[in-house]
Amino acid sequence: MPSIKIYSSNLCGFCRAAHRLLRDKGVEDYESISVDGDYAMRRHMMKISGRHTVPQIFIGDRHIGGYTDLAELDAAGELDVLLGVP
């Protein structure tokens, strides 16, 4: 399974939904990076994603986007392929 990073905030409902979707897929081992109050980390997230909202999700070297992007990949059947799950 590729490495997964989620830049998120504790106050974000879309962040919780992204974490839940990954758990539902059986993904337990991923890096959750909080940007709450960490302006340097938020700037880093914005630089590598080109976006300022959370969550920002990366699977391997691929920037997925936010929760809606993740959910669309799942609905299209592409998320399982990216994650390497049957």
Protein backbone atom coordinates (compact mmCIF):
# COMPACT_ATOMS: atom_id res chain seq x y z
CA MET A 1 0.00 0.00 0.00
CA PRO A 2 1.36 3.45 -0.85
CA SER A 3 2.02 6.01 1.85
CA ILE A 4 -0.91 8.27 2.65
CA LYS A 5 -0.80 11.76 4.18
CA ILE A 6 -3.77 13.84 5.19
CA TYR A 7 -3.31 17.47 6.17
CA SER A 8 -6.28 18.22 8.38
CA SER A 9 -7.87 20.20 11.19
CA ASN A 10 -9.67 18.91 14.26
CA LEU A 11 -12.60 21.25 13.58
CA CYS A 12 -13.17 20.09 10.00
CA GLY A 13 -16.11 17.82 9.17
CA PHE A 14 -14.68 17.01 5.73
CA CYS A 15 -11.44 15.94 7.43
CA ARG A 16 -13.33 13.54 9.69
CA ALA A 17 -15.20 12.20 6.65
CA ALA A 18 -11.90 11.57 4.81
CA HIS A 19 -10.48 9.69 7.80
CA ARG A 20 -13.70 7.65 8.06
CA LEU A 21 -13.66 6.77 4.35
CA LEU A 22 -10.10 5.50 4.59
CA ARG A 23 -10.92 3.47 7.72
CA ASP A 24 -13.94 2.00 5.91
CA LYS A 25 -11.52 0.91 3.16
CA GLY A 26 -9.42 -0.87 5.80
CA VAL A 27 -6.65 1.72 5.76
CA GLU A 28 -5.32 2.19 9.27
CA ASP A 29 -1.71 3.15 8.63
CA TYR A 30 -1.54 6.70 7.31
CA GLU A 31 -0.04 9.98 8.45
CA SER A 32 -2.46 12.60 9.74
CA ILE A 33 -0.85 16.03 9.89
CA SER A 34 -2.69 18.68 11.86
CA VAL A 35 -2.41 22.25 10.62
CA ASP A 36 -4.31 23.63 13.62
CA GLY A 37 -2.34 26.63 14.86
CA ASP A 38 0.75 25.54 12.91
CA TYR A 39 1.10 28.27 10.31
CA ALA A 40 4.38 26.90 8.95
CA MET A 41 2.74 23.52 8.32
CA ARG A 42 -0.31 25.19 6.73
CA ARG A 43 2.00 27.19 4.42
CA HIS A 44 3.82 23.96 3.52
CA MET A 45 0.49 22.26 2.77
CA MET A 46 -0.56 25.19 0.59
CA LYS A 47 2.74 25.15 -1.27
CA ILE A 48 2.64 21.44 -2.12
CA SER A 49 -1.09 21.24 -2.84
CA GLY A 50 -1.82 24.65 -4.33
CA ARG A 51 -4.89 24.81 -2.07
CA HIS A 52 -5.64 26.46 1.26
CA THR A 53 -8.50 24.29 2.52
CA VAL A 54 -8.36 21.07 4.51
CA PRO A 55 -8.21 18.20 4.14
CA GLN A 56 -5.49 17.86 1.55
CA ILE A 57 -4.84 14.22 0.79
CA PHE A 58 -1.80 12.63 -0.81
CA ILE A 59 -1.56 8.97 -1.82
CA GLY A 60 2.02 8.15 -2.68
CA ASP A 61 3.31 11.10 -4.69
CA ARG A 62 -0.15 11.92 -6.05
CA HIS A 63 -2.11 14.88 -4.70
CA ILE A 64 -5.72 13.69 -4.50
CA GLY A 65 -7.25 16.94 -3.25
CA GLY A 66 -9.91 17.19 -0.59
CA TYR A 67 -12.61 14.89 0.71
CA THR A 68 -14.90 15.42 -2.28
CA ASP A 69 -12.08 14.41 -4.63
CA LEU A 70 -11.40 11.32 -2.51
CA ALA A 71 -15.09 10.37 -2.48
CA GLU A 72 -15.32 10.82 -6.27
CA LEU A 73 -12.35 8.48 -6.74
CA ASP A 74 -14.08 5.96 -4.51
CA ALA A 75 -17.38 6.22 -6.39
CA ALA A 76 -15.54 5.69 -9.69
CA GLY A 77 -13.79 2.59 -8.30
CA GLU A 78 -10.38 4.22 -8.68
CA LEU A 79 -9.59 4.60 -4.97
CA ASP A 80 -9.27 0.84 -4.43
CA VAL A 81 -6.76 0.68 -7.27
CA LEU A 82 -4.72 3.55 -5.83
CA LEU A 83 -4.76 1.96 -2.38
CA GLY A 84 -4.04 -1.52 -3.70
CA VAL A 85 -7.03 -3.03 -1.91
CA PRO A 86 -9.17 -5.81 -3.42
